[in-house]
Every structure is written in C-alpha cells, then in structure tokens.
C-alpha atoms as a PDB file:
ATOM      1  CA  UNK A   1      13.665  13.434  12.672  1.00  0.00           C
ATOM      2  CA  UNK A   2      11.357  16.081  11.333  1.00  0.00           C
ATOM      3  CA  UNK A   3       8.559  13.448   9.971  1.00  0.00           C
ATOM      4  CA  UNK A   4       8.092  15.741   6.641  1.00  0.00           C
ATOM      5  CA  UNK A   5      11.720  15.450   5.787  1.00  0.00           C
ATOM      6  CA  UNK A   6      11.741  11.912   5.867  1.00  0.00           C
ATOM      7  CA  UNK A   7      13.004  11.159   2.577  1.00  0.00           C
ATOM      8  CA  UNK A   8      12.748   7.861   3.510  1.00  0.00           C
ATOM      9  CA  UNK A   9       9.100   7.772   4.071  1.00  0.00           C
ATOM     10  CA  UNK A  10       8.289  10.065   0.200  1.00  0.00           C
ATOM     11  CA  UNK A  11      10.688   8.124  -1.380  1.00  0.00           C
ATOM     12  CA  UNK A  12       9.108   5.115  -0.626  1.00  0.00           C
ATOM     13  CA  UNK A  13       5.468   6.409  -1.143  1.00  0.00           C
ATOM     14  CA  UNK A  14       6.219   7.846  -4.142  1.00  0.00           C
ATOM     15  CA  UNK A  15       8.072   4.909  -5.636  1.00  0.00           C
ATOM     16  CA  UNK A  16       5.492   2.661  -4.513  1.00  0.00           C
ATOM     17  CA  UNK A  17       2.754   5.023  -6.301  1.00  0.00           C
ATOM     18  CA  UNK A  18       4.219   5.772  -9.707  1.00  0.00           C
ATOM     19  CA  UNK A  19       4.627   2.132  -9.963  1.00  0.00           C
ATOM     20  CA  UNK A  20       1.495   1.051  -9.674  1.00  0.00           C
ATOM     21  CA  UNK A  21       0.024   4.039 -11.790  1.00  0.00           C
ATOM     22  CA  UNK A  22       2.349   2.702 -14.590  1.00  0.00           C
ATOM     23  CA  UNK A  23       1.934  -1.172 -14.028  1.00  0.00           C
ATOM     24  CA  UNK A  24      -1.736  -0.593 -13.845  1.00  0.00           C
ATOM     25  CA  UNK A  25      -1.674   1.637 -17.330  1.00  0.00           C
ATOM     26  CA  UNK A  26       0.353  -0.757 -18.922  1.00  0.00           C
ATOM     27  CA  UNK A  27      -3.108  -3.781 -18.030  1.00  0.00           C
ATOM     28  CA  UNK A  28      -5.271  -1.586 -19.439  1.00  0.00           C
ATOM     29  CA  UNK A  29      -3.625  -0.170 -22.992  1.00  0.00           C
ATOM     30  CA  UNK A  30      -2.399  -4.231 -23.617  1.00  0.00           C
ATOM     31  CA  UNK A  31      -4.422  -6.796 -21.767  1.00  0.00           C
ATOM     32  CA  UNK A  32      -8.508  -6.907 -22.746  1.00  0.00           C
ATOM     33  CA  UNK A  33     -10.727  -6.409 -19.714  1.00  0.00           C
ATOM     34  CA  UNK A  34     -11.654  -9.866 -18.207  1.00  0.00           C
ATOM     35  CA  UNK A  35      -8.160 -10.710 -20.415  1.00  0.00           C
ATOM     36  CA  UNK A  36      -5.577 -12.928 -19.325  1.00  0.00           C
ATOM     37  CA  UNK A  37      -1.889 -14.236 -20.133  1.00  0.00           C
ATOM     38  CA  UNK A  38      -1.660 -16.655 -19.678  1.00  0.00           C
ATOM     39  CA  UNK A  39      -4.854 -18.693 -20.086  1.00  0.00           C
ATOM     40  CA  UNK A  40      -4.125 -20.859 -17.514  1.00  0.00           C
ATOM     41  CA  UNK A  41      -2.272 -21.470 -14.986  1.00  0.00           C
ATOM     42  CA  UNK A  42      -1.014 -21.015 -11.053  1.00  0.00           C
ATOM     43  CA  UNK A  43       0.422 -16.959 -11.619  1.00  0.00           C
ATOM     44  CA  UNK A  44      -1.108 -15.317 -14.577  1.00  0.00           C
ATOM     45  CA  UNK A  45      -2.139 -11.917 -15.504  1.00  0.00           C
ATOM     46  CA  UNK A  46      -5.186 -10.942 -15.716  1.00  0.00           C
ATOM     47  CA  UNK A  47      -7.053  -7.450 -16.280  1.00  0.00           C
ATOM     48  CA  UNK A  48     -10.230  -6.879 -13.958  1.00  0.00           C
ATOM     49  CA  UNK A  49     -11.463  -4.227 -11.952  1.00  0.00           C
ATOM     50  CA  UNK A  50     -12.697  -4.338  -8.451  1.00  0.00           C
ATOM     51  CA  UNK A  51     -15.584  -1.562  -7.196  1.00  0.00           C
ATOM     52  CA  UNK A  52     -14.774  -3.097  -3.597  1.00  0.00           C
ATOM     53  CA  UNK A  53     -12.263  -3.089  -1.292  1.00  0.00           C
ATOM     54  CA  UNK A  54      -9.963  -6.432  -0.526  1.00  0.00           C
ATOM     55  CA  UNK A  55     -11.209  -9.567  -1.427  1.00  0.00           C
ATOM     56  CA  UNK A  56     -14.309  -7.893  -3.376  1.00  0.00           C
ATOM     57  CA  UNK A  57     -15.856  -6.399   0.205  1.00  0.00           C
ATOM     58  CA  UNK A  58     -17.896  -4.059  -0.143  1.00  0.00           C
ATOM     59  CA  UNK A  59     -18.491  -3.876  -3.825  1.00  0.00           C
ATOM     60  CA  UNK A  60     -20.308  -0.942  -5.699  1.00  0.00           C
ATOM     61  CA  UNK A  61     -20.031   1.251  -2.341  1.00  0.00           C
ATOM     62  CA  UNK A  62     -16.574   3.467  -3.810  1.00  0.00           C
ATOM     63  CA  UNK A  63     -17.636   6.772  -2.705  1.00  0.00           C
ATOM     64  CA  UNK A  64     -17.836   5.433   0.625  1.00  0.00           C
ATOM     65  CA  UNK A  65     -14.814   3.363  -0.064  1.00  0.00           C
ATOM     66  CA  UNK A  66     -12.882   6.440  -1.549  1.00  0.00           C
ATOM     67  CA  UNK A  67     -14.204   8.641   1.915  1.00  0.00           C
ATOM     68  CA  UNK A  68     -12.776   5.737   4.049  1.00  0.00           C
ATOM     69  CA  UNK A  69      -9.913   5.859   2.062  1.00  0.00           C
ATOM     70  CA  UNK A  70      -9.242   9.738   2.314  1.00  0.00           C
ATOM     71  CA  UNK A  71      -9.653   8.991   6.174  1.00  0.00           C
ATOM     72  CA  UNK A  72      -7.052   6.312   6.336  1.00  0.00           C
ATOM     73  CA  UNK A  73      -4.932   7.943   5.004  1.00  0.00           C
ATOM     74  CA  UNK A  74      -5.240  11.177   6.998  1.00  0.00           C
ATOM     75  CA  UNK A  75      -5.313   8.817   9.907  1.00  0.00           C
ATOM     76  CA  UNK A  76      -1.864   6.616   9.169  1.00  0.00           C
ATOM     77  CA  UNK A  77      -0.420  10.300   7.920  1.00  0.00           C
ATOM     78  CA  UNK A  78      -1.571  12.148  11.941  1.00  0.00           C
ATOM     79  CA  UNK A  79      -0.101   8.803  13.349  1.00  0.00           C
ATOM     80  CA  UNK A  80       3.424   8.937  11.582  1.00  0.00           C
ATOM     81  CA  UNK A  81       3.542  12.262  12.717  1.00  0.00           C
ATOM     82  CA  UNK A  82       2.985  12.140  16.291  1.00  0.00           C
ATOM     83  CA  UNK A  83       5.041   9.101  16.968  1.00  0.00           C
ATOM     84  CA  UNK A  84       8.595   9.546  18.389  1.00  0.00           C
ATOM     85  CA  UNK A  85       9.916   6.303  16.531  1.00  0.00           C
ATOM     86  CA  UNK A  86      12.571   7.274  14.062  1.00  0.00           C
ATOM     87  CA  UNK A  87      13.579   3.911  12.592  1.00  0.00           C
ATOM     88  CA  UNK A  88      13.960   3.228   9.175  1.00  0.00           C
ATOM     89  CA  UNK A  89      11.822   0.031   9.812  1.00  0.00           C
ATOM     90  CA  UNK A  90       8.628   1.904  10.703  1.00  0.00           C
ATOM     91  CA  UNK A  91       9.175   5.171   7.840  1.00  0.00           C
ATOM     92  CA  UNK A  92       9.276   2.236   5.650  1.00  0.00           C
ATOM     93  CA  UNK A  93       6.224   0.604   6.381  1.00  0.00           C
ATOM     94  CA  UNK A  94       4.000   3.600   6.404  1.00  0.00           C
ATOM     95  CA  UNK A  95       6.006   4.904   3.049  1.00  0.00           C
ATOM     96  CA  UNK A  96       4.548   1.674   2.143  1.00  0.00           C
ATOM     97  CA  UNK A  97       0.886   1.907   3.511  1.00  0.00           C
ATOM     98  CA  UNK A  98       0.810   5.269   2.120  1.00  0.00           C
ATOM     99  CA  UNK A  99       2.073   4.898  -1.168  1.00  0.00           C
ATOM    100  CA  UNK A 100      -0.425   1.745  -1.744  1.00  0.00           C
ATOM    101  CA  UNK A 101      -3.507   3.606  -0.532  1.00  0.00           C
ATOM    102  CA  UNK A 102      -2.842   6.715  -2.908  1.00  0.00           C
ATOM    103  CA  UNK A 103      -2.669   4.438  -5.935  1.00  0.00           C
ATOM    104  CA  UNK A 104      -6.108   2.448  -5.071  1.00  0.00           C
ATOM    105  CA  UNK A 105      -7.199   6.338  -4.099  1.00  0.00           C
ATOM    106  CA  UNK A 106      -6.946   7.721  -7.649  1.00  0.00           C
ATOM    107  CA  UNK A 107      -8.066   5.002  -9.118  1.00  0.00           C
ATOM    108  CA  UNK A 108     -11.272   5.320  -7.537  1.00  0.00           C
ATOM    109  CA  UNK A 109     -11.457   9.013  -7.935  1.00  0.00           C
ATOM    110  CA  UNK A 110     -10.405   8.441 -11.529  1.00  0.00           C
ATOM    111  CA  UNK A 111     -12.673   5.465 -12.627  1.00  0.00           C
ATOM    112  CA  UNK A 112     -14.960   4.314 -10.049  1.00  0.00           C
ATOM    113  CA  UNK A 113     -12.674   1.264  -9.188  1.00  0.00           C
ATOM    114  CA  UNK A 114      -9.315  -0.681  -9.228  1.00  0.00           C
ATOM    115  CA  UNK A 115      -7.076  -2.191 -11.577  1.00  0.00           C
ATOM    116  CA  UNK A 116      -6.240  -5.947  -9.857  1.00  0.00           C
ATOM    117  CA  UNK A 117      -4.032  -8.065 -12.439  1.00  0.00           C
ATOM    118  CA  UNK A 118      -1.765 -10.395 -10.443  1.00  0.00           C
ATOM    119  CA  UNK A 119      -3.832 -13.892 -10.171  1.00  0.00           C
ATOM    120  CA  UNK A 120      -2.020 -16.277  -7.647  1.00  0.00           C
ATOM    121  CA  UNK A 121      -3.690 -19.631  -7.881  1.00  0.00           C
ATOM    122  CA  UNK A 122      -6.991 -19.168  -5.779  1.00  0.00           C
ATOM    123  CA  UNK A 123      -6.175 -15.929  -4.040  1.00  0.00           C
ATOM    124  CA  UNK A 124      -8.368 -13.133  -5.607  1.00  0.00           C
ATOM    125  CA  UNK A 125      -6.432 -10.840  -7.921  1.00  0.00           C
ATOM    126  CA  UNK A 126      -4.674  -7.836  -6.660  1.00  0.00           C
ATOM    127  CA  UNK A 127      -2.252  -4.855  -7.438  1.00  0.00           C
ATOM    128  CA  UNK A 128       0.951  -3.102  -6.737  1.00  0.00           C
ATOM    129  CA  UNK A 129      -0.594  -1.262  -4.530  1.00  0.00           C
ATOM    130  CA  UNK A 130      -2.950  -4.062  -2.244  1.00  0.00           C
ATOM    131  CA  UNK A 131       0.472  -6.124  -1.835  1.00  0.00           C
ATOM    132  CA  UNK A 132       2.298  -2.713  -0.930  1.00  0.00           C
ATOM    133  CA  UNK A 133      -0.086  -1.893   1.601  1.00  0.00           C
ATOM    134  CA  UNK A 134      -0.251  -5.826   2.770  1.00  0.00           C
ATOM    135  CA  UNK A 135       3.086  -6.093   3.263  1.00  0.00           C
ATOM    136  CA  UNK A 136       3.651  -2.038   4.674  1.00  0.00           C
ATOM    137  CA  UNK A 137       1.058  -3.271   7.194  1.00  0.00           C
ATOM    138  CA  UNK A 138       2.914  -6.936   8.022  1.00  0.00           C
ATOM    139  CA  UNK A 139       6.432  -4.370   8.899  1.00  0.00           C
ATOM    140  CA  UNK A 140       4.242  -2.252  10.659  1.00  0.00           C
ATOM    141  CA  UNK A 141       3.267  -4.758  13.041  1.00  0.00           C
ATOM    142  CA  UNK A 142       6.509  -6.626  13.238  1.00  0.00           C
ATOM    143  CA  UNK A 143       8.135  -3.500  14.337  1.00  0.00           C
ATOM    144  CA  UNK A 144       5.702  -2.224  16.471  1.00  0.00           C
ATOM    145  CA  UNK A 145       5.431  -5.396  18.494  1.00  0.00           C
ATOM    146  CA  UNK A 146       9.090  -6.919  18.170  1.00  0.00           C
ATOM    147  CA  UNK A 147      11.075  -3.621  17.286  1.00  0.00           C
ATOM    148  CA  UNK A 148      13.086  -3.206  20.935  1.00  0.00           C
ATOM    149  CA  UNK A 149      13.515  -6.991  20.785  1.00  0.00           C
ATOM    150  CA  UNK A 150      15.207  -6.944  17.542  1.00  0.00           C
ATOM    151  CA  UNK A 151      16.731  -3.698  18.698  1.00  0.00           C
ATOM    152  CA  UNK A 152      14.929  -1.607  15.575  1.00  0.00           C
ATOM    153  CA  UNK A 153      13.272   0.646  18.124  1.00  0.00           C
ATOM    154  CA  UNK A 154      15.293   1.920  21.404  1.00  0.00           C
ATOM    155  CA  UNK A 155      14.220   0.708  24.606  1.00  0.00           C
ATOM    156  CA  UNK A 156      11.841   3.732  26.271  1.00  0.00           C
ATOM    157  CA  UNK A 157      15.582   4.115  28.170  1.00  0.00           C
ATOM    158  CA  UNK A 158      17.790   4.170  25.934  1.00  0.00           C
ATOM    159  CA  UNK A 159      18.356   7.589  23.742  1.00  0.00           C
ATOM    160  CA  UNK A 160      16.423   7.133  20.572  1.00  0.00           C
ATOM    161  CA  UNK A 161      19.162   7.799  17.257  1.00  0.00           C
ATOM    162  CA  UNK A 162      18.205   9.713  14.308  1.00  0.00           C
ATOM    163  CA  UNK A 163      19.136   6.518  11.485  1.00  0.00           C
ATOM    164  CA  UNK A 164      17.578   9.127   8.909  1.00  0.00           C
END
C-alpha cells in the first residue's frame, strides 16, 4: 500500500470535509447567530462561534490555533506516511481526523472562528469536524492498542496483507 494512493483515507477525509463545510453553511444561512432550534430541550441545533479549541479553551488565540492545526495535520500525515499499518481501521481513523481538522482549519482561516451547532445536554456545542476528529481518535487508539488482539493488525511475525 502506497500511502498517497490510499482511496480509503482520501475518500473519508474529503467526505468529512465536505459534510462539515456544507452543514456549517446551512447553519450560517438558516439560523441567526446564537439562535437555537428548538429553543429548549436536550438535543438542539444552535448557531455559535468558537474562537478557541475544543470546549472553548484558548478563546481568542485564533492565530496560535491556526498554526497548531497546520502543524498537527502535518504531524498526522507524516505519521500516516511512515507507518507500515495498512488495515482499513487505521486508514479510516486517519481520514476522519484529517478531514475534521481541515474543516475547522478552513473556518479559522476564513472567519477567525469555528461554527458549532450541535448541542446535546450540558455538553459544549460541537460540529461535524469535531465529531469526526473525536471518533477518529478513539478508533485510532483502539486500533493501535488492541488491533492485534482483534485481528485488525497482523502480529509482528505474520505477513502484512494489503487490504485495500
């Protein structure tokens, strides 16, 4: 498997990026800033702006977060390129992470803030990109920690099949 020909990684990253950008544009156009639909309830669609990182940490540090995002995406891509793991779960997780990170990076570059619109209970509002990054990280950790046990990653003495 040559990393730059990986259709799973690129397909997932592109789909996540497009869904994230479309969903944020729909919110921008159809829900006033700081509006909510419905007004009350456990699950709501809201229109918020986040100039910080996850959970609103580092608010107002858009330039620093932009640089950190670019560096983070570069590190993930470098790590992905250097790995010998070719199982689909690994490639899927990296695609989710990169697609989400690119979605939020574009918002920061374009608007100086990220649109958050999914509100669940007491949890801070989030978006498709945030969800993708979180799911990707959990899947990556499970794959790296337990992949051999689940049969997702061949043990070091087995051959590595190419499951593209």
